[in-house]
Amino acid sequence: MSRTDDIFRPALTGKKIPIISLDNKWYKLMAGIEHTPEMKELEDKLKELLKRQGKINSELKEIKKQKAELMEDIVGVMDSENSDEKQEEYKKKIDECNVKMDKYQDELLDLPKEINEVNMELMLDTMEICYDIIQENTDRIKEIADWITNVRIELKKNVVRKQECELKNQQMYSYMHDIFGAEVIDIFDMKYNPEENPLK
């Protein structure tokens, strides 16, 4: 069983999930992250479904308007010549409108479910890819944190070593100066003089 099936899907069950391709936050989340071919396919499919839904809604609106006009036309020709013929023609067009409306409304009933299914798959793929990146980053963070800790320990050790060397030089310089005197020390060409050239 994949992580998607045993962890992510149950976590999203019953949750109201925004339509990803309409959510600007999703694009910000995925900025700089390469989409898998599956994600691209799902994203394209989701956009097509939403486009189709929008188109059907527009078509339905137009057909309803057309039907209303035809109904008015029927009333308008009731007392005219060829009334029956014209009414029959309008009724035929109204029937055509009803057939189209039924077809579109049936499709509109199915589309939300299909949109939600594709959206869910895209959300699961998003969670999968983000989970992997977070895990990689977490491993990298730990690796860098360990490196920083080790460097700090080494740094502290080297600071102590440096201070020990400086103290030893100071002591030796002082003893040699006291024992041999300044002139002899000059002959030794001492390069370390804590008063003239203190190490920082």
C-alpha atoms as a PDB file:
ATOM      1  CA  MET A   1       0.000   0.000   0.000  1.00  0.00           C
ATOM      2  CA  SER A   2       1.389   3.401  -0.940  1.00  0.00           C
ATOM      3  CA  ARG A   3       1.681   6.362   1.408  1.00  0.00           C
ATOM      4  CA  THR A   4      -1.063   8.071  -0.633  1.00  0.00           C
ATOM      5  CA  ASP A   5      -3.559   5.263   0.063  1.00  0.00           C
ATOM      6  CA  ASP A   6      -2.774   4.506   3.696  1.00  0.00           C
ATOM      7  CA  ILE A   7      -1.999   7.979   5.083  1.00  0.00           C
ATOM      8  CA  PHE A   8      -3.021  10.876   2.859  1.00  0.00           C
ATOM      9  CA  ARG A   9      -6.355   9.665   1.443  1.00  0.00           C
ATOM     10  CA  PRO A  10      -7.892   8.854   4.871  1.00  0.00           C
ATOM     11  CA  ALA A  11      -6.634  12.234   6.168  1.00  0.00           C
ATOM     12  CA  LEU A  12      -8.543  14.045   3.390  1.00  0.00           C
ATOM     13  CA  THR A  13     -11.730  11.970   3.578  1.00  0.00           C
ATOM     14  CA  GLY A  14     -14.698  14.169   4.479  1.00  0.00           C
ATOM     15  CA  LYS A  15     -12.638  17.359   4.240  1.00  0.00           C
ATOM     16  CA  LYS A  16     -13.747  20.229   2.026  1.00  0.00           C
ATOM     17  CA  ILE A  17     -10.900  20.474  -0.472  1.00  0.00           C
ATOM     18  CA  PRO A  18     -10.544  23.647  -2.537  1.00  0.00           C
ATOM     19  CA  ILE A  19     -10.279  23.241  -6.298  1.00  0.00           C
ATOM     20  CA  ILE A  20      -6.496  23.278  -6.618  1.00  0.00           C
ATOM     21  CA  SER A  21      -6.214  24.834 -10.069  1.00  0.00           C
ATOM     22  CA  LEU A  22      -8.363  27.779  -8.880  1.00  0.00           C
ATOM     23  CA  ASP A  23      -6.353  28.284  -5.672  1.00  0.00           C
ATOM     24  CA  ASN A  24      -3.499  30.789  -5.931  1.00  0.00           C
ATOM     25  CA  LYS A  25      -1.934  29.346  -2.753  1.00  0.00           C
ATOM     26  CA  TRP A  26      -1.444  26.017  -4.549  1.00  0.00           C
ATOM     27  CA  TYR A  27       0.552  27.751  -7.293  1.00  0.00           C
ATOM     28  CA  LYS A  28       2.673  29.457  -4.601  1.00  0.00           C
ATOM     29  CA  LEU A  29       3.167  26.101  -2.848  1.00  0.00           C
ATOM     30  CA  MET A  30       4.261  24.446  -6.088  1.00  0.00           C
ATOM     31  CA  ALA A  31       6.464  27.334  -7.283  1.00  0.00           C
ATOM     32  CA  GLY A  32       9.885  25.960  -8.193  1.00  0.00           C
ATOM     33  CA  ILE A  33       8.718  22.354  -7.779  1.00  0.00           C
ATOM     34  CA  GLU A  34       8.784  20.268 -10.942  1.00  0.00           C
ATOM     35  CA  HIS A  35       5.397  18.705 -11.613  1.00  0.00           C
ATOM     36  CA  THR A  36       5.373  15.002 -12.421  1.00  0.00           C
ATOM     37  CA  PRO A  37       3.822  13.959 -15.781  1.00  0.00           C
ATOM     38  CA  GLU A  38       0.857  12.558 -13.796  1.00  0.00           C
ATOM     39  CA  MET A  39       0.343  15.890 -12.036  1.00  0.00           C
ATOM     40  CA  LYS A  40       0.465  17.797 -15.330  1.00  0.00           C
ATOM     41  CA  GLU A  41      -2.085  15.395 -16.812  1.00  0.00           C
ATOM     42  CA  LEU A  42      -4.413  15.762 -13.799  1.00  0.00           C
ATOM     43  CA  GLU A  43      -4.021  19.546 -13.801  1.00  0.00           C
ATOM     44  CA  ASP A  44      -4.899  19.724 -17.516  1.00  0.00           C
ATOM     45  CA  LYS A  45      -7.850  17.379 -17.024  1.00  0.00           C
ATOM     46  CA  LEU A  46      -9.133  19.459 -14.089  1.00  0.00           C
ATOM     47  CA  LYS A  47      -8.879  22.667 -16.123  1.00  0.00           C
ATOM     48  CA  GLU A  48     -10.760  21.038 -19.003  1.00  0.00           C
ATOM     49  CA  LEU A  49     -13.527  19.809 -16.682  1.00  0.00           C
ATOM     50  CA  LEU A  50     -13.916  23.252 -15.102  1.00  0.00           C
ATOM     51  CA  LYS A  51     -13.932  24.836 -18.552  1.00  0.00           C
ATOM     52  CA  ARG A  52     -16.600  22.364 -19.652  1.00  0.00           C
ATOM     53  CA  GLN A  53     -18.676  23.134 -16.538  1.00  0.00           C
ATOM     54  CA  GLY A  54     -18.459  26.855 -17.256  1.00  0.00           C
ATOM     55  CA  LYS A  55     -19.394  26.336 -20.898  1.00  0.00           C
ATOM     56  CA  ILE A  56     -22.431  24.177 -20.020  1.00  0.00           C
ATOM     57  CA  ASN A  57     -23.655  26.764 -17.508  1.00  0.00           C
ATOM     58  CA  SER A  58     -23.357  29.472 -20.172  1.00  0.00           C
ATOM     59  CA  GLU A  59     -25.117  27.265 -22.744  1.00  0.00           C
ATOM     60  CA  LEU A  60     -27.933  26.478 -20.287  1.00  0.00           C
ATOM     61  CA  LYS A  61     -28.403  30.149 -19.555  1.00  0.00           C
ATOM     62  CA  GLU A  62     -28.607  30.868 -23.294  1.00  0.00           C
ATOM     63  CA  ILE A  63     -31.054  28.001 -23.937  1.00  0.00           C
ATOM     64  CA  LYS A  64     -33.302  29.110 -21.045  1.00  0.00           C
ATOM     65  CA  LYS A  65     -33.337  32.608 -22.509  1.00  0.00           C
ATOM     66  CA  GLN A  66     -34.131  31.191 -25.972  1.00  0.00           C
ATOM     67  CA  LYS A  67     -36.928  29.032 -24.512  1.00  0.00           C
ATOM     68  CA  ALA A  68     -38.448  32.020 -22.697  1.00  0.00           C
ATOM     69  CA  GLU A  69     -38.437  33.978 -25.974  1.00  0.00           C
ATOM     70  CA  LEU A  70     -40.111  31.073 -27.796  1.00  0.00           C
ATOM     71  CA  MET A  71     -42.809  30.901 -25.097  1.00  0.00           C
ATOM     72  CA  GLU A  72     -43.478  34.600 -25.626  1.00  0.00           C
ATOM     73  CA  ASP A  73     -43.568  34.018 -29.395  1.00  0.00           C
ATOM     74  CA  ILE A  74     -46.235  31.320 -28.947  1.00  0.00           C
ATOM     75  CA  VAL A  75     -48.420  33.698 -26.965  1.00  0.00           C
ATOM     76  CA  GLY A  76     -47.760  36.413 -29.574  1.00  0.00           C
ATOM     77  CA  VAL A  77     -49.040  34.339 -32.508  1.00  0.00           C
ATOM     78  CA  MET A  78     -52.155  32.925 -30.854  1.00  0.00           C
ATOM     79  CA  ASP A  79     -54.546  35.304 -32.636  1.00  0.00           C
ATOM     80  CA  SER A  80     -52.576  35.603 -35.881  1.00  0.00           C
ATOM     81  CA  GLU A  81     -52.995  33.856 -39.196  1.00  0.00           C
ATOM     82  CA  ASN A  82     -51.287  30.470 -39.446  1.00  0.00           C
ATOM     83  CA  SER A  83     -51.422  30.398 -35.632  1.00  0.00           C
ATOM     84  CA  ASP A  84     -51.411  26.589 -35.406  1.00  0.00           C
ATOM     85  CA  GLU A  85     -48.542  26.234 -37.838  1.00  0.00           C
ATOM     86  CA  LYS A  86     -46.409  28.828 -36.059  1.00  0.00           C
ATOM     87  CA  GLN A  87     -47.259  27.457 -32.638  1.00  0.00           C
ATOM     88  CA  GLU A  88     -46.249  23.994 -33.824  1.00  0.00           C
ATOM     89  CA  GLU A  89     -42.945  25.374 -35.103  1.00  0.00           C
ATOM     90  CA  TYR A  90     -42.261  27.124 -31.773  1.00  0.00           C
ATOM     91  CA  LYS A  91     -43.243  24.053 -29.769  1.00  0.00           C
ATOM     92  CA  LYS A  92     -40.833  21.983 -31.828  1.00  0.00           C
ATOM     93  CA  LYS A  93     -38.045  24.462 -31.034  1.00  0.00           C
ATOM     94  CA  ILE A  94     -39.050  24.457 -27.359  1.00  0.00           C
ATOM     95  CA  ASP A  95     -38.849  20.646 -27.353  1.00  0.00           C
ATOM     96  CA  GLU A  96     -35.358  20.908 -28.863  1.00  0.00           C
ATOM     97  CA  CYS A  97     -34.434  23.344 -26.089  1.00  0.00           C
ATOM     98  CA  ASN A  98     -35.790  20.930 -23.464  1.00  0.00           C
ATOM     99  CA  VAL A  99     -33.783  18.008 -24.906  1.00  0.00           C
ATOM    100  CA  LYS A 100     -30.594  20.110 -24.851  1.00  0.00           C
ATOM    101  CA  MET A 101     -31.325  21.355 -21.315  1.00  0.00           C
ATOM    102  CA  ASP A 102     -31.906  17.807 -20.054  1.00  0.00           C
ATOM    103  CA  LYS A 103     -28.655  16.649 -21.645  1.00  0.00           C
ATOM    104  CA  TYR A 104     -26.689  19.534 -20.151  1.00  0.00           C
ATOM    105  CA  GLN A 105     -28.313  19.182 -16.723  1.00  0.00           C
ATOM    106  CA  ASP A 106     -27.475  15.461 -16.665  1.00  0.00           C
ATOM    107  CA  GLU A 107     -23.875  16.307 -17.500  1.00  0.00           C
ATOM    108  CA  LEU A 108     -23.854  19.013 -14.823  1.00  0.00           C
ATOM    109  CA  LEU A 109     -24.926  16.424 -12.251  1.00  0.00           C
ATOM    110  CA  ASP A 110     -21.933  14.196 -13.105  1.00  0.00           C
ATOM    111  CA  LEU A 111     -19.300  16.927 -13.538  1.00  0.00           C
ATOM    112  CA  PRO A 112     -18.884  17.963  -9.843  1.00  0.00           C
ATOM    113  CA  LYS A 113     -18.155  14.348  -8.861  1.00  0.00           C
ATOM    114  CA  GLU A 114     -15.625  13.976 -11.678  1.00  0.00           C
ATOM    115  CA  ILE A 115     -14.044  17.351 -10.808  1.00  0.00           C
ATOM    116  CA  ASN A 116     -13.752  16.342  -7.144  1.00  0.00           C
ATOM    117  CA  GLU A 117     -12.173  12.976  -8.034  1.00  0.00           C
ATOM    118  CA  VAL A 118      -9.534  14.549 -10.295  1.00  0.00           C
ATOM    119  CA  ASN A 119      -8.969  17.323  -7.739  1.00  0.00           C
ATOM    120  CA  MET A 120      -8.496  14.718  -4.981  1.00  0.00           C
ATOM    121  CA  GLU A 121      -5.905  12.827  -7.066  1.00  0.00           C
ATOM    122  CA  LEU A 122      -4.047  16.079  -7.773  1.00  0.00           C
ATOM    123  CA  MET A 123      -4.151  16.961  -4.071  1.00  0.00           C
ATOM    124  CA  LEU A 124      -2.791  13.508  -3.150  1.00  0.00           C
ATOM    125  CA  ASP A 125       0.042  13.854  -5.676  1.00  0.00           C
ATOM    126  CA  THR A 126       0.783  17.315  -4.256  1.00  0.00           C
ATOM    127  CA  MET A 127       0.925  15.928  -0.711  1.00  0.00           C
ATOM    128  CA  GLU A 128       3.178  13.086  -1.854  1.00  0.00           C
ATOM    129  CA  ILE A 129       5.693  15.370  -3.578  1.00  0.00           C
ATOM    130  CA  CYS A 130       5.656  17.927  -0.719  1.00  0.00           C
ATOM    131  CA  TYR A 131       6.106  15.151   1.859  1.00  0.00           C
ATOM    132  CA  ASP A 132       9.175  13.870  -0.010  1.00  0.00           C
ATOM    133  CA  ILE A 133      10.686  17.384  -0.238  1.00  0.00           C
ATOM    134  CA  ILE A 134      10.026  18.047   3.472  1.00  0.00           C
ATOM    135  CA  GLN A 135      11.668  14.709   4.356  1.00  0.00           C
ATOM    136  CA  GLU A 136      14.702  15.511   2.175  1.00  0.00           C
ATOM    137  CA  ASN A 137      14.964  18.980   3.730  1.00  0.00           C
ATOM    138  CA  THR A 138      14.612  17.528   7.240  1.00  0.00           C
ATOM    139  CA  ASP A 139      17.466  15.080   6.567  1.00  0.00           C
ATOM    140  CA  ARG A 140      19.579  17.920   5.143  1.00  0.00           C
ATOM    141  CA  ILE A 141      18.781  20.167   8.141  1.00  0.00           C
ATOM    142  CA  LYS A 142      19.893  17.410  10.534  1.00  0.00           C
ATOM    143  CA  GLU A 143      23.054  16.837   8.507  1.00  0.00           C
ATOM    144  CA  ILE A 144      23.912  20.562   8.555  1.00  0.00           C
ATOM    145  CA  ALA A 145      23.002  20.872  12.259  1.00  0.00           C
ATOM    146  CA  ASP A 146      25.361  17.961  13.052  1.00  0.00           C
ATOM    147  CA  TRP A 147      28.100  19.624  10.969  1.00  0.00           C
ATOM    148  CA  ILE A 148      27.579  22.935  12.825  1.00  0.00           C
ATOM    149  CA  THR A 149      27.730  21.133  16.203  1.00  0.00           C
ATOM    150  CA  ASN A 150      30.976  19.362  15.223  1.00  0.00           C
ATOM    151  CA  VAL A 151      32.509  22.589  13.906  1.00  0.00           C
ATOM    152  CA  ARG A 152      31.562  24.374  17.147  1.00  0.00           C
ATOM    153  CA  ILE A 153      33.210  21.612  19.204  1.00  0.00           C
ATOM    154  CA  GLU A 154      36.352  21.768  17.023  1.00  0.00           C
ATOM    155  CA  LEU A 155      36.318  25.565  17.216  1.00  0.00           C
ATOM    156  CA  LYS A 156      36.157  25.485  21.021  1.00  0.00           C
ATOM    157  CA  LYS A 157      38.983  22.939  21.129  1.00  0.00           C
ATOM    158  CA  ASN A 158      41.129  25.047  18.784  1.00  0.00           C
ATOM    159  CA  VAL A 159      40.442  28.218  20.798  1.00  0.00           C
ATOM    160  CA  VAL A 160      41.677  26.385  23.917  1.00  0.00           C
ATOM    161  CA  ARG A 161      44.752  25.041  22.001  1.00  0.00           C
ATOM    162  CA  LYS A 162      45.530  28.553  20.703  1.00  0.00           C
ATOM    163  CA  GLN A 163      45.218  30.019  24.204  1.00  0.00           C
ATOM    164  CA  GLU A 164      47.472  27.276  25.612  1.00  0.00           C
ATOM    165  CA  CYS A 165      50.128  27.975  22.945  1.00  0.00           C
ATOM    166  CA  GLU A 166      49.924  31.727  23.603  1.00  0.00           C
ATOM    167  CA  LEU A 167      50.246  31.192  27.365  1.00  0.00           C
ATOM    168  CA  LYS A 168      53.210  28.835  26.886  1.00  0.00           C
ATOM    169  CA  ASN A 169      54.961  31.383  24.627  1.00  0.00           C
ATOM    170  CA  GLN A 170      54.317  34.167  27.119  1.00  0.00           C
ATOM    171  CA  GLN A 171      55.723  32.079  29.970  1.00  0.00           C
ATOM    172  CA  MET A 172      58.795  30.990  27.985  1.00  0.00           C
ATOM    173  CA  TYR A 173      59.483  34.534  26.783  1.00  0.00           C
ATOM    174  CA  SER A 174      59.175  35.846  30.312  1.00  0.00           C
ATOM    175  CA  TYR A 175      61.480  33.171  31.796  1.00  0.00           C
ATOM    176  CA  MET A 176      64.070  33.528  29.029  1.00  0.00           C
ATOM    177  CA  HIS A 177      64.011  37.314  29.427  1.00  0.00           C
ATOM    178  CA  ASP A 178      64.545  36.981  33.187  1.00  0.00           C
ATOM    179  CA  ILE A 179      67.237  34.304  32.838  1.00  0.00           C
ATOM    180  CA  PHE A 180      69.220  35.517  29.814  1.00  0.00           C
ATOM    181  CA  GLY A 181      68.388  39.204  29.763  1.00  0.00           C
ATOM    182  CA  ALA A 182      67.087  41.417  26.973  1.00  0.00           C
ATOM    183  CA  GLU A 183      70.311  41.389  24.915  1.00  0.00           C
ATOM    184  CA  VAL A 184      70.473  37.604  24.704  1.00  0.00           C
ATOM    185  CA  ILE A 185      66.807  37.454  23.803  1.00  0.00           C
ATOM    186  CA  ASP A 186      67.513  39.914  20.944  1.00  0.00           C
ATOM    187  CA  ILE A 187      70.253  37.554  19.689  1.00  0.00           C
ATOM    188  CA  PHE A 188      67.650  34.765  19.571  1.00  0.00           C
ATOM    189  CA  ASP A 189      65.648  37.076  17.289  1.00  0.00           C
ATOM    190  CA  MET A 190      62.427  36.340  19.156  1.00  0.00           C
ATOM    191  CA  LYS A 191      59.472  36.769  16.875  1.00  0.00           C
ATOM    192  CA  TYR A 192      56.949  36.558  19.648  1.00  0.00           C
ATOM    193  CA  ASN A 193      56.695  39.434  22.098  1.00  0.00           C
ATOM    194  CA  PRO A 194      53.345  39.584  23.859  1.00  0.00           C
ATOM    195  CA  GLU A 195      53.738  43.315  24.526  1.00  0.00           C
ATOM    196  CA  GLU A 196      54.749  44.340  20.997  1.00  0.00           C
ATOM    197  CA  ASN A 197      52.881  41.744  18.910  1.00  0.00           C
ATOM    198  CA  PRO A 198      50.033  40.205  20.896  1.00  0.00           C
ATOM    199  CA  LEU A 199      48.228  37.431  19.057  1.00  0.00           C
ATOM    200  CA  LYS A 200      44.525  37.973  18.617  1.00  0.00           C
END
